[in-house]
Amino acid sequence: MTDSDQSRSYSGDSSGETRPAKRDSVRGKVKVPVELFAPGSDVPLRGATSDLSETGCYIESIFPFSIGTILEMSLQVDGPVLALGEVVTCDPQVGNGIKFTKMLPEDHEQLRAYLETAQQAKDEP
């Protein structure tokens, strides 16, 4: 796969057809602590990402949120990174795919730097 092909990854569905992946950036298997605040709740739900990118993450949960739920999030990557996210996938008793919809530039930069460092550490022998 060439560098230009990496952003056009494909995945199969149950019918055997392939379709373009919907992600804007590649997600890495990065586990970081996260606190989620559901609409109307001041009590955080704590967990961890199972993968993470600059544009979203996947959080494993046996009680996932429904698609379209907007969540306030605090990811712990060398300090807190605050974001708003929208649930875009719901896998019953497995978890949620979340797309970041709002993040301050300094939080985005902190997340980008963390992911870059994590990727470099992974690439080292």
N, C-alpha and C. Protein backbone atom coordinates (compact mmCIF):
# COMPACT_ATOMS: atom_id res chain seq x y z
N MET A 1 0.85 -1.17 0.00
CA MET A 1 0.00 0.00 0.00
C MET A 1 0.89 1.23 0.00
N THR A 2 0.64 2.17 -0.89
CA THR A 2 1.44 3.38 -0.94
C THR A 2 0.93 4.38 0.08
N ASP A 3 1.74 5.42 0.34
CA ASP A 3 1.34 6.44 1.31
C ASP A 3 0.00 7.06 0.95
N SER A 4 -0.24 7.31 -0.34
CA SER A 4 -1.50 7.94 -0.74
C SER A 4 -2.69 7.00 -0.56
N ASP A 5 -2.45 5.70 -0.49
CA ASP A 5 -3.53 4.74 -0.31
C ASP A 5 -3.91 4.55 1.15
N GLN A 6 -3.04 4.96 2.07
CA GLN A 6 -3.31 4.71 3.48
C GLN A 6 -4.56 5.40 3.97
N SER A 7 -4.89 6.57 3.42
CA SER A 7 -6.09 7.28 3.88
C SER A 7 -7.36 6.69 3.28
N ARG A 8 -7.21 5.75 2.36
CA ARG A 8 -8.38 5.13 1.74
C ARG A 8 -8.43 3.65 2.07
N SER A 9 -8.46 3.37 3.36
CA SER A 9 -8.53 1.98 3.78
C SER A 9 -9.93 1.44 3.54
N TYR A 10 -10.03 0.15 3.39
CA TYR A 10 -11.31 -0.48 3.12
C TYR A 10 -11.59 -1.56 4.13
N SER A 11 -12.86 -1.77 4.38
CA SER A 11 -13.25 -2.85 5.27
C SER A 11 -14.42 -3.58 4.66
N GLY A 12 -14.49 -4.85 4.91
CA GLY A 12 -15.59 -5.64 4.37
C GLY A 12 -16.80 -5.60 5.29
N ASP A 13 -17.99 -5.82 4.74
CA ASP A 13 -19.17 -5.95 5.58
C ASP A 13 -19.70 -7.37 5.45
N SER A 14 -20.80 -7.66 6.09
CA SER A 14 -21.30 -9.03 6.12
C SER A 14 -21.73 -9.55 4.75
N SER A 15 -21.97 -8.64 3.80
CA SER A 15 -22.37 -9.09 2.46
C SER A 15 -21.17 -9.46 1.61
N GLY A 16 -19.96 -9.22 2.14
CA GLY A 16 -18.76 -9.53 1.38
C GLY A 16 -18.29 -8.35 0.54
N GLU A 17 -19.06 -7.27 0.48
CA GLU A 17 -18.66 -6.10 -0.28
C GLU A 17 -17.65 -5.30 0.52
N THR A 18 -16.84 -4.52 -0.19
CA THR A 18 -15.92 -3.62 0.50
C THR A 18 -16.47 -2.22 0.36
N ARG A 19 -16.17 -1.41 1.38
CA ARG A 19 -16.61 -0.02 1.36
C ARG A 19 -15.50 0.83 1.94
N PRO A 20 -15.42 2.10 1.55
CA PRO A 20 -14.37 2.96 2.11
C PRO A 20 -14.60 3.15 3.60
N ALA A 21 -13.51 3.19 4.35
CA ALA A 21 -13.61 3.50 5.78
C ALA A 21 -14.00 4.95 5.93
N LYS A 22 -14.73 5.29 7.00
CA LYS A 22 -15.23 6.64 7.19
C LYS A 22 -14.28 7.51 8.01
N ARG A 23 -13.20 6.99 8.49
CA ARG A 23 -12.31 7.74 9.36
C ARG A 23 -11.50 8.76 8.56
N ASP A 24 -11.28 9.93 9.19
CA ASP A 24 -10.47 10.97 8.58
C ASP A 24 -8.99 10.76 8.84
N SER A 25 -8.65 10.01 9.88
CA SER A 25 -7.26 9.75 10.20
C SER A 25 -7.12 8.34 10.74
N VAL A 26 -5.90 7.82 10.64
CA VAL A 26 -5.63 6.45 11.07
C VAL A 26 -5.67 6.38 12.59
N ARG A 27 -6.36 5.38 13.11
CA ARG A 27 -6.39 5.16 14.56
C ARG A 27 -5.36 4.12 14.94
N GLY A 28 -4.68 4.40 16.03
CA GLY A 28 -3.70 3.45 16.55
C GLY A 28 -4.23 2.79 17.80
N LYS A 29 -3.73 1.61 18.10
CA LYS A 29 -4.12 0.90 19.32
C LYS A 29 -3.46 1.59 20.50
N VAL A 30 -4.13 2.61 20.99
CA VAL A 30 -3.61 3.42 22.10
C VAL A 30 -4.64 3.42 23.21
N LYS A 31 -4.20 3.02 24.39
CA LYS A 31 -5.11 2.96 25.53
C LYS A 31 -4.78 4.12 26.46
N VAL A 32 -5.74 5.05 26.59
CA VAL A 32 -5.57 6.17 27.52
C VAL A 32 -6.84 6.30 28.36
N PRO A 33 -6.69 6.71 29.61
CA PRO A 33 -7.87 6.92 30.46
C PRO A 33 -8.77 8.03 29.90
N VAL A 34 -10.07 7.85 30.07
CA VAL A 34 -11.02 8.84 29.58
C VAL A 34 -12.17 8.95 30.57
N GLU A 35 -12.67 10.18 30.72
CA GLU A 35 -13.89 10.43 31.48
C GLU A 35 -14.92 10.95 30.49
N LEU A 36 -16.11 10.37 30.53
CA LEU A 36 -17.21 10.78 29.65
C LEU A 36 -18.32 11.38 30.50
N PHE A 37 -18.88 12.47 30.00
CA PHE A 37 -20.03 13.08 30.65
C PHE A 37 -21.19 13.01 29.67
N ALA A 38 -22.20 12.24 30.03
CA ALA A 38 -23.40 12.08 29.19
C ALA A 38 -24.27 13.32 29.35
N PRO A 39 -25.12 13.58 28.36
CA PRO A 39 -26.03 14.74 28.46
C PRO A 39 -26.87 14.68 29.74
N GLY A 40 -26.90 15.80 30.45
CA GLY A 40 -27.72 15.89 31.66
C GLY A 40 -27.13 15.23 32.89
N SER A 41 -25.88 14.80 32.82
CA SER A 41 -25.27 14.12 33.96
C SER A 41 -23.99 14.84 34.37
N ASP A 42 -23.83 15.03 35.67
CA ASP A 42 -22.60 15.61 36.21
C ASP A 42 -21.65 14.53 36.72
N VAL A 43 -22.07 13.27 36.61
CA VAL A 43 -21.27 12.15 37.10
C VAL A 43 -20.48 11.57 35.93
N PRO A 44 -19.15 11.57 36.03
CA PRO A 44 -18.36 11.02 34.92
C PRO A 44 -18.41 9.50 34.87
N LEU A 45 -18.37 8.99 33.65
CA LEU A 45 -18.18 7.56 33.43
C LEU A 45 -16.72 7.40 33.05
N ARG A 46 -16.01 6.55 33.76
CA ARG A 46 -14.58 6.39 33.52
C ARG A 46 -14.31 5.10 32.76
N GLY A 47 -13.34 5.19 31.88
CA GLY A 47 -12.95 4.04 31.09
C GLY A 47 -11.63 4.32 30.41
N ALA A 48 -11.42 3.67 29.27
CA ALA A 48 -10.19 3.86 28.50
C ALA A 48 -10.49 3.65 27.03
N THR A 49 -9.72 4.32 26.21
CA THR A 49 -9.83 4.11 24.77
C THR A 49 -9.18 2.77 24.42
N SER A 50 -9.67 2.14 23.38
CA SER A 50 -8.97 0.96 22.86
C SER A 50 -8.21 1.32 21.60
N ASP A 51 -8.62 2.41 20.94
CA ASP A 51 -7.83 3.01 19.88
C ASP A 51 -8.13 4.49 19.85
N LEU A 52 -7.21 5.25 19.23
CA LEU A 52 -7.27 6.70 19.32
C LEU A 52 -6.62 7.32 18.11
N SER A 53 -7.22 8.41 17.61
CA SER A 53 -6.62 9.20 16.54
C SER A 53 -6.87 10.67 16.84
N GLU A 54 -6.43 11.54 15.95
CA GLU A 54 -6.66 12.96 16.12
C GLU A 54 -8.14 13.32 15.94
N THR A 55 -8.90 12.46 15.31
CA THR A 55 -10.30 12.79 15.00
C THR A 55 -11.32 11.94 15.73
N GLY A 56 -10.89 10.94 16.50
CA GLY A 56 -11.85 10.11 17.20
C GLY A 56 -11.20 8.99 17.97
N CYS A 57 -12.07 8.16 18.57
CA CYS A 57 -11.57 7.05 19.37
C CYS A 57 -12.64 5.96 19.46
N TYR A 58 -12.25 4.83 20.00
CA TYR A 58 -13.18 3.76 20.30
C TYR A 58 -13.05 3.48 21.79
N ILE A 59 -14.19 3.39 22.45
CA ILE A 59 -14.22 3.12 23.88
C ILE A 59 -15.05 1.87 24.10
N GLU A 60 -14.42 0.87 24.73
CA GLU A 60 -15.13 -0.38 25.02
C GLU A 60 -16.04 -0.19 26.22
N SER A 61 -17.27 -0.71 26.11
CA SER A 61 -18.25 -0.60 27.20
C SER A 61 -19.34 -1.64 26.98
N ILE A 62 -19.77 -2.28 28.06
CA ILE A 62 -20.88 -3.22 27.90
C ILE A 62 -22.22 -2.49 27.84
N PHE A 63 -22.20 -1.19 28.17
CA PHE A 63 -23.40 -0.35 28.08
C PHE A 63 -23.13 0.84 27.18
N PRO A 64 -23.03 0.63 25.87
CA PRO A 64 -22.68 1.73 24.97
C PRO A 64 -23.82 2.75 24.82
N PHE A 65 -23.44 3.94 24.41
CA PHE A 65 -24.40 5.00 24.13
C PHE A 65 -24.99 4.81 22.73
N SER A 66 -26.17 5.38 22.51
CA SER A 66 -26.80 5.28 21.20
C SER A 66 -26.13 6.25 20.22
N ILE A 67 -26.21 5.93 18.94
CA ILE A 67 -25.64 6.77 17.88
C ILE A 67 -26.28 8.15 17.95
N GLY A 68 -25.44 9.16 17.81
CA GLY A 68 -25.89 10.54 17.85
C GLY A 68 -25.73 11.20 19.21
N THR A 69 -25.44 10.42 20.25
CA THR A 69 -25.25 10.98 21.58
C THR A 69 -24.01 11.88 21.56
N ILE A 70 -24.15 13.09 22.13
CA ILE A 70 -23.04 14.02 22.26
C ILE A 70 -22.46 13.88 23.66
N LEU A 71 -21.15 13.69 23.72
CA LEU A 71 -20.47 13.46 25.00
C LEU A 71 -19.40 14.52 25.22
N GLU A 72 -19.29 14.99 26.46
CA GLU A 72 -18.13 15.78 26.86
C GLU A 72 -17.09 14.77 27.31
N MET A 73 -15.84 14.97 26.89
CA MET A 73 -14.80 13.99 27.15
C MET A 73 -13.55 14.66 27.70
N SER A 74 -12.86 13.93 28.57
CA SER A 74 -11.56 14.34 29.06
C SER A 74 -10.63 13.15 28.91
N LEU A 75 -9.70 13.25 27.96
CA LEU A 75 -8.72 12.19 27.71
C LEU A 75 -7.43 12.55 28.45
N GLN A 76 -6.81 11.58 29.10
CA GLN A 76 -5.59 11.82 29.86
C GLN A 76 -4.38 11.42 29.03
N VAL A 77 -3.85 12.38 28.28
CA VAL A 77 -2.66 12.17 27.45
C VAL A 77 -1.61 13.21 27.85
N ASP A 78 -0.75 12.88 28.77
CA ASP A 78 0.24 13.83 29.29
C ASP A 78 -0.48 15.07 29.82
N GLY A 79 -1.61 14.89 30.46
CA GLY A 79 -2.47 15.97 30.94
C GLY A 79 -3.81 15.84 30.25
N PRO A 80 -4.81 16.56 30.75
CA PRO A 80 -6.15 16.40 30.17
C PRO A 80 -6.30 17.07 28.81
N VAL A 81 -6.96 16.37 27.91
CA VAL A 81 -7.37 16.91 26.62
C VAL A 81 -8.89 16.88 26.62
N LEU A 82 -9.50 18.06 26.49
CA LEU A 82 -10.95 18.16 26.52
C LEU A 82 -11.50 18.18 25.11
N ALA A 83 -12.63 17.49 24.92
CA ALA A 83 -13.25 17.42 23.59
C ALA A 83 -14.75 17.17 23.73
N LEU A 84 -15.47 17.58 22.71
CA LEU A 84 -16.84 17.13 22.52
C LEU A 84 -16.79 16.04 21.47
N GLY A 85 -17.57 14.99 21.66
CA GLY A 85 -17.58 13.91 20.69
C GLY A 85 -18.99 13.44 20.43
N GLU A 86 -19.19 12.90 19.24
CA GLU A 86 -20.49 12.34 18.86
C GLU A 86 -20.33 10.85 18.62
N VAL A 87 -21.22 10.07 19.20
CA VAL A 87 -21.20 8.62 19.00
C VAL A 87 -21.61 8.33 17.56
N VAL A 88 -20.73 7.66 16.82
CA VAL A 88 -21.01 7.35 15.41
C VAL A 88 -21.20 5.86 15.17
N THR A 89 -20.74 5.02 16.10
CA THR A 89 -21.02 3.59 16.01
C THR A 89 -21.41 3.08 17.39
N CYS A 90 -22.31 2.12 17.39
CA CYS A 90 -22.75 1.50 18.64
C CYS A 90 -22.74 -0.01 18.43
N ASP A 91 -21.86 -0.68 19.15
CA ASP A 91 -21.76 -2.13 19.09
C ASP A 91 -22.26 -2.66 20.43
N PRO A 92 -23.49 -3.22 20.46
CA PRO A 92 -24.07 -3.67 21.73
C PRO A 92 -23.12 -4.56 22.53
N GLN A 93 -22.97 -4.26 23.80
CA GLN A 93 -22.14 -4.98 24.75
C GLN A 93 -20.66 -5.00 24.36
N VAL A 94 -20.27 -4.09 23.44
CA VAL A 94 -18.87 -4.00 23.03
C VAL A 94 -18.34 -2.58 23.23
N GLY A 95 -19.02 -1.57 22.63
CA GLY A 95 -18.54 -0.22 22.80
C GLY A 95 -19.03 0.75 21.75
N ASN A 96 -18.37 1.92 21.73
CA ASN A 96 -18.75 3.01 20.85
C ASN A 96 -17.56 3.57 20.09
N GLY A 97 -17.80 3.90 18.84
CA GLY A 97 -16.88 4.72 18.07
C GLY A 97 -17.33 6.16 18.23
N ILE A 98 -16.40 7.03 18.55
CA ILE A 98 -16.73 8.42 18.82
C ILE A 98 -15.89 9.32 17.93
N LYS A 99 -16.57 10.26 17.26
CA LYS A 99 -15.89 11.24 16.42
C LYS A 99 -15.81 12.54 17.20
N PHE A 100 -14.59 13.10 17.30
CA PHE A 100 -14.43 14.38 17.99
C PHE A 100 -15.06 15.47 17.13
N THR A 101 -15.92 16.28 17.73
CA THR A 101 -16.61 17.34 16.98
C THR A 101 -16.13 18.73 17.36
N LYS A 102 -15.52 18.86 18.53
CA LYS A 102 -15.02 20.16 18.96
C LYS A 102 -13.87 19.95 19.93
N MET A 103 -12.78 20.70 19.67
CA MET A 103 -11.60 20.60 20.52
C MET A 103 -10.82 21.90 20.34
N LEU A 104 -10.35 22.46 21.44
CA LEU A 104 -9.54 23.68 21.35
C LEU A 104 -8.23 23.38 20.64
N PRO A 105 -7.67 24.35 19.91
CA PRO A 105 -6.41 24.11 19.18
C PRO A 105 -5.29 23.58 20.07
N GLU A 106 -5.18 24.09 21.30
CA GLU A 106 -4.10 23.62 22.17
C GLU A 106 -4.33 22.16 22.61
N ASP A 107 -5.60 21.77 22.78
CA ASP A 107 -5.89 20.37 23.10
C ASP A 107 -5.59 19.47 21.91
N HIS A 108 -5.94 19.94 20.71
CA HIS A 108 -5.67 19.17 19.50
C HIS A 108 -4.17 18.99 19.32
N GLU A 109 -3.40 20.03 19.56
CA GLU A 109 -1.95 19.95 19.43
C GLU A 109 -1.37 18.98 20.46
N GLN A 110 -1.87 19.01 21.68
CA GLN A 110 -1.40 18.09 22.72
C GLN A 110 -1.70 16.64 22.32
N LEU A 111 -2.88 16.39 21.77
CA LEU A 111 -3.25 15.04 21.32
C LEU A 111 -2.38 14.61 20.15
N ARG A 112 -2.18 15.51 19.18
CA ARG A 112 -1.34 15.19 18.02
C ARG A 112 0.08 14.83 18.46
N ALA A 113 0.65 15.62 19.36
CA ALA A 113 2.01 15.36 19.84
C ALA A 113 2.08 14.03 20.58
N TYR A 114 1.08 13.73 21.39
CA TYR A 114 1.04 12.47 22.13
C TYR A 114 1.00 11.28 21.15
N LEU A 115 0.14 11.37 20.16
CA LEU A 115 0.01 10.28 19.18
C LEU A 115 1.29 10.11 18.37
N GLU A 116 1.93 11.21 18.02
CA GLU A 116 3.19 11.14 17.27
C GLU A 116 4.27 10.45 18.11
N THR A 117 4.35 10.80 19.38
CA THR A 117 5.32 10.18 20.29
C THR A 117 5.02 8.69 20.46
N ALA A 118 3.74 8.35 20.62
CA ALA A 118 3.34 6.94 20.77
C ALA A 118 3.70 6.14 19.51
N GLN A 119 3.51 6.74 18.34
CA GLN A 119 3.83 6.05 17.08
C GLN A 119 5.34 5.85 16.95
N GLN A 120 6.12 6.87 17.32
CA GLN A 120 7.58 6.74 17.25
C GLN A 120 8.07 5.66 18.20
N ALA A 121 7.53 5.58 19.39
CA ALA A 121 7.92 4.55 20.36
C ALA A 121 7.59 3.17 19.83
N LYS A 122 6.44 3.06 19.15
CA LYS A 122 6.02 1.77 18.58
C LYS A 122 6.95 1.34 17.44
N ASP A 123 7.43 2.32 16.66
CA ASP A 123 8.27 2.03 15.50
C ASP A 123 9.71 1.68 15.85
N GLU A 124 10.14 2.07 17.07
CA GLU A 124 11.51 1.79 17.47
C GLU A 124 11.69 0.31 17.76
N PRO A 125 12.88 -0.25 17.37
CA PRO A 125 13.11 -1.68 17.61
C PRO A 125 13.30 -2.03 19.06
